[in-house]
PDB file of N, CA and C in Angstrom:
ATOM      1  N   MET A   1      11.588  -5.564  30.474  1.00  0.00           N
ATOM      2  CA  MET A   1      10.491  -5.994  29.619  1.00  0.00           C
ATOM      3  C   MET A   1       9.670  -4.766  29.237  1.00  0.00           C
ATOM      4  N   ASN A   2       9.281  -4.692  27.983  1.00  0.00           N
ATOM      5  CA  ASN A   2       8.527  -3.522  27.548  1.00  0.00           C
ATOM      6  C   ASN A   2       7.043  -3.696  27.868  1.00  0.00           C
ATOM      7  N   SER A   3       6.243  -2.738  27.431  1.00  0.00           N
ATOM      8  CA  SER A   3       4.853  -2.672  27.853  1.00  0.00           C
ATOM      9  C   SER A   3       3.895  -3.515  27.009  1.00  0.00           C
ATOM     10  N   ILE A   4       4.387  -4.246  26.021  1.00  0.00           N
ATOM     11  CA  ILE A   4       3.500  -5.061  25.203  1.00  0.00           C
ATOM     12  C   ILE A   4       3.144  -6.319  25.988  1.00  0.00           C
ATOM     13  N   ASN A   5       1.859  -6.592  26.134  1.00  0.00           N
ATOM     14  CA  ASN A   5       1.420  -7.790  26.840  1.00  0.00           C
ATOM     15  C   ASN A   5       1.699  -9.021  26.005  1.00  0.00           C
ATOM     16  N   LYS A   6       2.083 -10.109  26.665  1.00  0.00           N
ATOM     17  CA  LYS A   6       2.267 -11.365  25.957  1.00  0.00           C
ATOM     18  C   LYS A   6       0.919 -11.968  25.571  1.00  0.00           C
ATOM     19  N   ARG A   7      -0.071 -11.758  26.383  1.00  0.00           N
ATOM     20  CA  ARG A   7      -1.420 -12.272  26.129  1.00  0.00           C
ATOM     21  C   ARG A   7      -2.414 -11.153  26.400  1.00  0.00           C
ATOM     22  N   PRO A   8      -3.549 -11.176  25.692  1.00  0.00           N
ATOM     23  CA  PRO A   8      -4.552 -10.156  26.003  1.00  0.00           C
ATOM     24  C   PRO A   8      -5.128 -10.380  27.396  1.00  0.00           C
ATOM     25  N   PRO A   9      -5.549  -9.317  28.058  1.00  0.00           N
ATOM     26  CA  PRO A   9      -6.157  -9.480  29.379  1.00  0.00           C
ATOM     27  C   PRO A   9      -7.479 -10.235  29.278  1.00  0.00           C
ATOM     28  N   PHE A  10      -8.001 -10.689  30.415  1.00  0.00           N
ATOM     29  CA  PHE A  10      -9.250 -11.454  30.395  1.00  0.00           C
ATOM     30  C   PHE A  10     -10.393 -10.673  29.760  1.00  0.00           C
ATOM     31  N   ASP A  11     -10.449  -9.396  30.019  1.00  0.00           N
ATOM     32  CA  ASP A  11     -11.472  -8.568  29.398  1.00  0.00           C
ATOM     33  C   ASP A  11     -10.979  -8.205  28.002  1.00  0.00           C
ATOM     34  N   ILE A  12     -11.326  -9.012  26.999  1.00  0.00           N
ATOM     35  CA  ILE A  12     -10.762  -8.845  25.664  1.00  0.00           C
ATOM     36  C   ILE A  12     -11.591  -7.925  24.773  1.00  0.00           C
ATOM     37  N   THR A  13     -12.459  -7.132  25.368  1.00  0.00           N
ATOM     38  CA  THR A  13     -13.290  -6.211  24.602  1.00  0.00           C
ATOM     39  C   THR A  13     -12.448  -5.307  23.709  1.00  0.00           C
ATOM     40  N   ASN A  14     -11.347  -4.790  24.219  1.00  0.00           N
ATOM     41  CA  ASN A  14     -10.511  -3.864  23.469  1.00  0.00           C
ATOM     42  C   ASN A  14      -9.299  -4.518  22.822  1.00  0.00           C
ATOM     43  N   SER A  15      -9.176  -5.831  22.909  1.00  0.00           N
ATOM     44  CA  SER A  15      -7.999  -6.510  22.375  1.00  0.00           C
ATOM     45  C   SER A  15      -7.838  -6.318  20.882  1.00  0.00           C
ATOM     46  N   VAL A  16      -8.942  -6.237  20.169  1.00  0.00           N
ATOM     47  CA  VAL A  16      -8.867  -6.076  18.721  1.00  0.00           C
ATOM     48  C   VAL A  16      -8.174  -4.769  18.369  1.00  0.00           C
ATOM     49  N   SER A  17      -8.448  -3.702  19.092  1.00  0.00           N
ATOM     50  CA  SER A  17      -7.787  -2.426  18.819  1.00  0.00           C
ATOM     51  C   SER A  17      -6.444  -2.310  19.538  1.00  0.00           C
ATOM     52  N   ASN A  18      -6.256  -2.997  20.647  1.00  0.00           N
ATOM     53  CA  ASN A  18      -5.001  -2.914  21.393  1.00  0.00           C
ATOM     54  C   ASN A  18      -3.853  -3.611  20.685  1.00  0.00           C
ATOM     55  N   PHE A  19      -4.120  -4.730  20.025  1.00  0.00           N
ATOM     56  CA  PHE A  19      -3.040  -5.488  19.393  1.00  0.00           C
ATOM     57  C   PHE A  19      -2.342  -4.679  18.304  1.00  0.00           C
ATOM     58  N   PRO A  20      -3.050  -4.094  17.328  1.00  0.00           N
ATOM     59  CA  PRO A  20      -2.344  -3.282  16.321  1.00  0.00           C
ATOM     60  C   PRO A  20      -1.592  -2.103  16.928  1.00  0.00           C
ATOM     61  N   ARG A  21      -2.139  -1.516  17.974  1.00  0.00           N
ATOM     62  CA  ARG A  21      -1.465  -0.414  18.649  1.00  0.00           C
ATOM     63  C   ARG A  21      -0.166  -0.893  19.306  1.00  0.00           C
ATOM     64  N   ALA A  22      -0.206  -2.059  19.920  1.00  0.00           N
ATOM     65  CA  ALA A  22       0.984  -2.615  20.564  1.00  0.00           C
ATOM     66  C   ALA A  22       2.053  -2.951  19.527  1.00  0.00           C
ATOM     67  N   ILE A  23       1.637  -3.494  18.400  1.00  0.00           N
ATOM     68  CA  ILE A  23       2.592  -3.825  17.335  1.00  0.00           C
ATOM     69  C   ILE A  23       3.214  -2.540  16.783  1.00  0.00           C
ATOM     70  N   ALA A  24       2.410  -1.525  16.540  1.00  0.00           N
ATOM     71  CA  ALA A  24       2.920  -0.248  16.035  1.00  0.00           C
ATOM     72  C   ALA A  24       3.906   0.364  17.030  1.00  0.00           C
ATOM     73  N   SER A  25       3.607   0.260  18.304  1.00  0.00           N
ATOM     74  CA  SER A  25       4.507   0.773  19.336  1.00  0.00           C
ATOM     75  C   SER A  25       5.823  -0.001  19.337  1.00  0.00           C
ATOM     76  N   PHE A  26       5.755  -1.302  19.196  1.00  0.00           N
ATOM     77  CA  PHE A  26       6.949  -2.157  19.137  1.00  0.00           C
ATOM     78  C   PHE A  26       7.827  -1.754  17.952  1.00  0.00           C
ATOM     79  N   ILE A  27       7.222  -1.571  16.780  1.00  0.00           N
ATOM     80  CA  ILE A  27       7.963  -1.190  15.579  1.00  0.00           C
ATOM     81  C   ILE A  27       8.627   0.174  15.780  1.00  0.00           C
ATOM     82  N   LYS A  28       7.901   1.119  16.346  1.00  0.00           N
ATOM     83  CA  LYS A  28       8.442   2.467  16.549  1.00  0.00           C
ATOM     84  C   LYS A  28       9.530   2.464  17.610  1.00  0.00           C
ATOM     85  N   GLN A  29       9.289   1.793  18.721  1.00  0.00           N
ATOM     86  CA  GLN A  29      10.247   1.777  19.837  1.00  0.00           C
ATOM     87  C   GLN A  29      11.591   1.214  19.404  1.00  0.00           C
ATOM     88  N   TYR A  30      11.590   0.173  18.591  1.00  0.00           N
ATOM     89  CA  TYR A  30      12.832  -0.477  18.176  1.00  0.00           C
ATOM     90  C   TYR A  30      13.295  -0.031  16.789  1.00  0.00           C
ATOM     91  N   GLN A  31      12.681   1.016  16.264  1.00  0.00           N
ATOM     92  CA  GLN A  31      13.069   1.639  14.999  1.00  0.00           C
ATOM     93  C   GLN A  31      13.195   0.615  13.868  1.00  0.00           C
ATOM     94  N   LEU A  32      12.171  -0.211  13.739  1.00  0.00           N
ATOM     95  CA  LEU A  32      12.118  -1.198  12.660  1.00  0.00           C
ATOM     96  C   LEU A  32      11.472  -0.519  11.451  1.00  0.00           C
ATOM     97  N   ASN A  33      12.206   0.385  10.830  1.00  0.00           N
ATOM     98  CA  ASN A  33      11.667   1.275   9.809  1.00  0.00           C
ATOM     99  C   ASN A  33      11.169   0.567   8.555  1.00  0.00           C
ATOM    100  N   LYS A  34      11.693  -0.593   8.254  1.00  0.00           N
ATOM    101  CA  LYS A  34      11.278  -1.317   7.050  1.00  0.00           C
ATOM    102  C   LYS A  34      10.273  -2.415   7.358  1.00  0.00           C
ATOM    103  N   VAL A  35       9.671  -2.366   8.548  1.00  0.00           N
ATOM    104  CA  VAL A  35       8.642  -3.322   8.944  1.00  0.00           C
ATOM    105  C   VAL A  35       7.314  -2.572   9.014  1.00  0.00           C
ATOM    106  N   CYS A  36       6.317  -3.116   8.337  1.00  0.00           N
ATOM    107  CA  CYS A  36       4.973  -2.535   8.352  1.00  0.00           C
ATOM    108  C   CYS A  36       4.025  -3.533   9.005  1.00  0.00           C
ATOM    109  N   ALA A  37       3.038  -3.021   9.701  1.00  0.00           N
ATOM    110  CA  ALA A  37       2.046  -3.876  10.341  1.00  0.00           C
ATOM    111  C   ALA A  37       0.676  -3.589   9.760  1.00  0.00           C
ATOM    112  N   TYR A  38      -0.077  -4.652   9.526  1.00  0.00           N
ATOM    113  CA  TYR A  38      -1.472  -4.529   9.123  1.00  0.00           C
ATOM    114  C   TYR A  38      -2.243  -5.600   9.870  1.00  0.00           C
ATOM    115  N   LEU A  39      -3.128  -5.179  10.775  1.00  0.00           N
ATOM    116  CA  LEU A  39      -3.854  -6.091  11.663  1.00  0.00           C
ATOM    117  C   LEU A  39      -2.849  -6.993  12.367  1.00  0.00           C
ATOM    118  N   ASP A  40      -2.836  -8.293  12.070  1.00  0.00           N
ATOM    119  CA  ASP A  40      -1.879  -9.185  12.740  1.00  0.00           C
ATOM    120  C   ASP A  40      -0.770  -9.640  11.800  1.00  0.00           C
ATOM    121  N   GLU A  41      -0.548  -8.905  10.732  1.00  0.00           N
ATOM    122  CA  GLU A  41       0.496  -9.225   9.758  1.00  0.00           C
ATOM    123  C   GLU A  41       1.673  -8.274   9.926  1.00  0.00           C
ATOM    124  N   LEU A  42       2.873  -8.797   9.779  1.00  0.00           N
ATOM    125  CA  LEU A  42       4.076  -7.982   9.724  1.00  0.00           C
ATOM    126  C   LEU A  42       4.696  -8.174   8.357  1.00  0.00           C
ATOM    127  N   ILE A  43       4.994  -7.085   7.688  1.00  0.00           N
ATOM    128  CA  ILE A  43       5.584  -7.142   6.360  1.00  0.00           C
ATOM    129  C   ILE A  43       6.954  -6.486   6.440  1.00  0.00           C
ATOM    130  N   VAL A  44       7.973  -7.221   5.997  1.00  0.00           N
ATOM    131  CA  VAL A  44       9.340  -6.718   5.983  1.00  0.00           C
ATOM    132  C   VAL A  44       9.668  -6.343   4.550  1.00  0.00           C
ATOM    133  N   ALA A  45      10.072  -5.098   4.345  1.00  0.00           N
ATOM    134  CA  ALA A  45      10.328  -4.599   2.996  1.00  0.00           C
ATOM    135  C   ALA A  45      11.797  -4.229   2.829  1.00  0.00           C
ATOM    136  N   ALA A  46      12.234  -4.209   1.573  1.00  0.00           N
ATOM    137  CA  ALA A  46      13.579  -3.758   1.229  1.00  0.00           C
ATOM    138  C   ALA A  46      13.679  -3.643  -0.280  1.00  0.00           C
ATOM    139  N   GLU A  47      14.682  -2.914  -0.724  1.00  0.00           N
ATOM    140  CA  GLU A  47      14.903  -2.749  -2.157  1.00  0.00           C
ATOM    141  C   GLU A  47      15.683  -3.923  -2.750  1.00  0.00           C
ATOM    142  N   THR A  48      16.482  -4.593  -1.922  1.00  0.00           N
ATOM    143  CA  THR A  48      17.313  -5.706  -2.398  1.00  0.00           C
ATOM    144  C   THR A  48      17.098  -6.928  -1.516  1.00  0.00           C
ATOM    145  N   THR A  49      17.526  -8.074  -2.006  1.00  0.00           N
ATOM    146  CA  THR A  49      17.439  -9.312  -1.221  1.00  0.00           C
ATOM    147  C   THR A  49      18.298  -9.202   0.037  1.00  0.00           C
ATOM    148  N   GLU A  50      19.481  -8.631  -0.113  1.00  0.00           N
ATOM    149  CA  GLU A  50      20.378  -8.488   1.042  1.00  0.00           C
ATOM    150  C   GLU A  50      19.758  -7.559   2.087  1.00  0.00           C
ATOM    151  N   GLY A  51      19.147  -6.472   1.628  1.00  0.00           N
ATOM    152  CA  GLY A  51      18.473  -5.553   2.549  1.00  0.00           C
ATOM    153  C   GLY A  51      17.307  -6.220   3.252  1.00  0.00           C
ATOM    154  N   HIS A  52      16.551  -7.034   2.511  1.00  0.00           N
ATOM    155  CA  HIS A  52      15.426  -7.756   3.103  1.00  0.00           C
ATOM    156  C   HIS A  52      15.919  -8.710   4.176  1.00  0.00           C
ATOM    157  N   ASP A  53      16.977  -9.451   3.866  1.00  0.00           N
ATOM    158  CA  ASP A  53      17.512 -10.405   4.833  1.00  0.00           C
ATOM    159  C   ASP A  53      17.992  -9.695   6.091  1.00  0.00           C
ATOM    160  N   LEU A  54      18.623  -8.535   5.926  1.00  0.00           N
ATOM    161  CA  LEU A  54      19.093  -7.757   7.076  1.00  0.00           C
ATOM    162  C   LEU A  54      17.912  -7.247   7.911  1.00  0.00           C
ATOM    163  N   ASN A  55      16.877  -6.724   7.246  1.00  0.00           N
ATOM    164  CA  ASN A  55      15.691  -6.224   7.957  1.00  0.00           C
ATOM    165  C   ASN A  55      14.948  -7.352   8.657  1.00  0.00           C
ATOM    166  N   LEU A  56      14.858  -8.501   8.015  1.00  0.00           N
ATOM    167  CA  LEU A  56      14.197  -9.663   8.620  1.00  0.00           C
ATOM    168  C   LEU A  56      14.968 -10.129   9.842  1.00  0.00           C
ATOM    169  N   LYS A  57      16.299 -10.206   9.736  1.00  0.00           N
ATOM    170  CA  LYS A  57      17.117 -10.612  10.873  1.00  0.00           C
ATOM    171  C   LYS A  57      16.954  -9.637  12.034  1.00  0.00           C
ATOM    172  N   LEU A  58      16.915  -8.338  11.737  1.00  0.00           N
ATOM    173  CA  LEU A  58      16.722  -7.330  12.774  1.00  0.00           C
ATOM    174  C   LEU A  58      15.384  -7.537  13.490  1.00  0.00           C
ATOM    175  N   LEU A  59      14.320  -7.792  12.721  1.00  0.00           N
ATOM    176  CA  LEU A  59      13.002  -8.048  13.322  1.00  0.00           C
ATOM    177  C   LEU A  59      13.039  -9.299  14.191  1.00  0.00           C
ATOM    178  N   LEU A  60      13.578 -10.386  13.670  1.00  0.00           N
ATOM    179  CA  LEU A  60      13.609 -11.644  14.420  1.00  0.00           C
ATOM    180  C   LEU A  60      14.467 -11.529  15.680  1.00  0.00           C
ATOM    181  N   ASP A  61      15.618 -10.885  15.566  1.00  0.00           N
ATOM    182  CA  ASP A  61      16.485 -10.708  16.739  1.00  0.00           C
ATOM    183  C   ASP A  61      15.816  -9.833  17.794  1.00  0.00           C
ATOM    184  N   THR A  62      15.175  -8.752  17.349  1.00  0.00           N
ATOM    185  CA  THR A  62      14.491  -7.859  18.280  1.00  0.00           C
ATOM    186  C   THR A  62      13.342  -8.577  18.967  1.00  0.00           C
ATOM    187  N   ALA A  63      12.562  -9.337  18.211  1.00  0.00           N
ATOM    188  CA  ALA A  63      11.447 -10.089  18.803  1.00  0.00           C
ATOM    189  C   ALA A  63      11.967 -11.097  19.826  1.00  0.00           C
ATOM    190  N   THR A  64      13.055 -11.783  19.504  1.00  0.00           N
ATOM    191  CA  THR A  64      13.634 -12.750  20.433  1.00  0.00           C
ATOM    192  C   THR A  64      14.139 -12.062  21.697  1.00  0.00           C
ATOM    193  N   ASP A  65      14.835 -10.931  21.520  1.00  0.00           N
ATOM    194  CA  ASP A  65      15.354 -10.191  22.679  1.00  0.00           C
ATOM    195  C   ASP A  65      14.233  -9.703  23.589  1.00  0.00           C
ATOM    196  N   CYS A  66      13.073  -9.413  23.010  1.00  0.00           N
ATOM    197  CA  CYS A  66      11.923  -8.911  23.782  1.00  0.00           C
ATOM    198  C   CYS A  66      10.997 -10.041  24.220  1.00  0.00           C
ATOM    199  N   ASN A  67      11.448 -11.287  24.037  1.00  0.00           N
ATOM    200  CA  ASN A  67      10.670 -12.462  24.432  1.00  0.00           C
ATOM    201  C   ASN A  67       9.331 -12.533  23.706  1.00  0.00           C
ATOM    202  N   ARG A  68       9.332 -12.189  22.418  1.00  0.00           N
ATOM    203  CA  ARG A  68       8.140 -12.274  21.570  1.00  0.00           C
ATOM    204  C   ARG A  68       8.328 -13.425  20.598  1.00  0.00           C
ATOM    205  N   THR A  69       7.243 -14.064  20.242  1.00  0.00           N
ATOM    206  CA  THR A  69       7.322 -15.159  19.283  1.00  0.00           C
ATOM    207  C   THR A  69       6.503 -14.830  18.050  1.00  0.00           C
ATOM    208  N   LEU A  70       6.964 -15.340  16.930  1.00  0.00           N
ATOM    209  CA  LEU A  70       6.249 -15.221  15.666  1.00  0.00           C
ATOM    210  C   LEU A  70       5.835 -16.617  15.237  1.00  0.00           C
ATOM    211  N   ASN A  71       4.669 -16.747  14.670  1.00  0.00           N
ATOM    212  CA  ASN A  71       4.159 -18.039  14.255  1.00  0.00           C
ATOM    213  C   ASN A  71       4.815 -18.443  12.938  1.00  0.00           C
ATOM    214  N   GLU A  72       5.744 -19.389  13.008  1.00  0.00           N
ATOM    215  CA  GLU A  72       6.477 -19.822  11.819  1.00  0.00           C
ATOM    216  C   GLU A  72       5.566 -20.489  10.798  1.00  0.00           C
ATOM    217  N   ASP A  73       4.509 -21.151  11.260  1.00  0.00           N
ATOM    218  CA  ASP A  73       3.593 -21.831  10.336  1.00  0.00           C
ATOM    219  C   ASP A  73       2.844 -20.841   9.451  1.00  0.00           C
ATOM    220  N   LYS A  74       2.630 -19.633   9.940  1.00  0.00           N
ATOM    221  CA  LYS A  74       1.904 -18.622   9.171  1.00  0.00           C
ATOM    222  C   LYS A  74       2.839 -17.685   8.410  1.00  0.00           C
ATOM    223  N   SER A  75       4.141 -17.866   8.574  1.00  0.00           N
ATOM    224  CA  SER A  75       5.111 -16.967   7.951  1.00  0.00           C
ATOM    225  C   SER A  75       5.357 -17.335   6.494  1.00  0.00           C
ATOM    226  N   LYS A  76       5.485 -16.311   5.676  1.00  0.00           N
ATOM    227  CA  LYS A  76       5.878 -16.464   4.282  1.00  0.00           C
ATOM    228  C   LYS A  76       7.164 -15.672   4.119  1.00  0.00           C
ATOM    229  N   LEU A  77       8.242 -16.357   3.823  1.00  0.00           N
ATOM    230  CA  LEU A  77       9.542 -15.714   3.775  1.00  0.00           C
ATOM    231  C   LEU A  77      10.048 -15.569   2.353  1.00  0.00           C
ATOM    232  N   CYS A  78      10.746 -14.474   2.108  1.00  0.00           N
ATOM    233  CA  CYS A  78      11.456 -14.226   0.851  1.00  0.00           C
ATOM    234  C   CYS A  78      10.542 -14.294  -0.367  1.00  0.00           C
ATOM    235  N   VAL A  79       9.412 -13.623  -0.311  1.00  0.00           N
ATOM    236  CA  VAL A  79       8.522 -13.555  -1.468  1.00  0.00           C
ATOM    237  C   VAL A  79       8.649 -12.176  -2.104  1.00  0.00           C
ATOM    238  N   THR A  80       8.460 -12.117  -3.411  1.00  0.00           N
ATOM    239  CA  THR A  80       8.561 -10.836  -4.109  1.00  0.00           C
ATOM    240  C   THR A  80       7.224 -10.129  -4.189  1.00  0.00           C
ATOM    241  N   SER A  81       6.134 -10.869  -3.953  1.00  0.00           N
ATOM    242  CA  SER A  81       4.805 -10.260  -3.919  1.00  0.00           C
ATOM    243  C   SER A  81       3.914 -11.106  -3.019  1.00  0.00           C
ATOM    244  N   LEU A  82       2.814 -10.494  -2.574  1.00  0.00           N
ATOM    245  CA  LEU A  82       1.854 -11.227  -1.747  1.00  0.00           C
ATOM    246  C   LEU A  82       0.477 -10.627  -1.938  1.00  0.00           C
ATOM    247  N   ARG A  83      -0.531 -11.354  -1.486  1.00  0.00           N
ATOM    248  CA  ARG A  83      -1.915 -10.884  -1.621  1.00  0.00           C
ATOM    249  C   ARG A  83      -2.431 -10.538  -0.233  1.00  0.00           C
ATOM    250  N   MET A  84      -2.977  -9.321  -0.152  1.00  0.00           N
ATOM    251  CA  MET A  84      -3.632  -8.873   1.077  1.00  0.00           C
ATOM    252  C   MET A  84      -4.950  -8.244   0.689  1.00  0.00           C
ATOM    253  N   LEU A  85      -6.014  -8.688   1.349  1.00  0.00           N
ATOM    254  CA  LEU A  85      -7.354  -8.202   1.056  1.00  0.00           C
ATOM    255  C   LEU A  85      -7.690  -8.335  -0.422  1.00  0.00           C
ATOM    256  N   GLY A  86      -7.186  -9.397  -1.035  1.00  0.00           N
ATOM    257  CA  GLY A  86      -7.472  -9.666  -2.431  1.00  0.00           C
ATOM    258  C   GLY A  86      -6.671  -8.839  -3.422  1.00  0.00           C
ATOM    259  N   LEU A  87      -5.734  -8.040  -2.924  1.00  0.00           N
ATOM    260  CA  LEU A  87      -4.922  -7.201  -3.808  1.00  0.00           C
ATOM    261  C   LEU A  87      -3.484  -7.703  -3.821  1.00  0.00           C
ATOM    262  N   GLY A  88      -2.860  -7.669  -4.978  1.00  0.00           N
ATOM    263  CA  GLY A  88      -1.458  -8.030  -5.087  1.00  0.00           C
ATOM    264  C   GLY A  88      -0.582  -6.864  -4.677  1.00  0.00           C
ATOM    265  N   ILE A  89       0.362  -7.150  -3.824  1.00  0.00           N
ATOM    266  CA  ILE A  89       1.286  -6.108  -3.350  1.00  0.00           C
ATOM    267  C   ILE A  89       2.677  -6.475  -3.807  1.00  0.00           C
TER     268      ILE A  89
END
């Protein structure tokens, strides 16, 4: 099991800064090069639909192997653009 906590510790004073750091470490450790993190969002990028599907599968498989869960209700899959902080990406 890697060093990412499944839940924040009881003293959650630093949890706001620890979570993005843990996600960035997870992405780097597993070389998820086409996955970007912003706060509690994960964005999977690719030039083609096939590349996106491959990168998404890699993220999902890696998360499952590491006993991590993603909230399916908050997930937006296979979109060509999205809005973050009021900006279209």
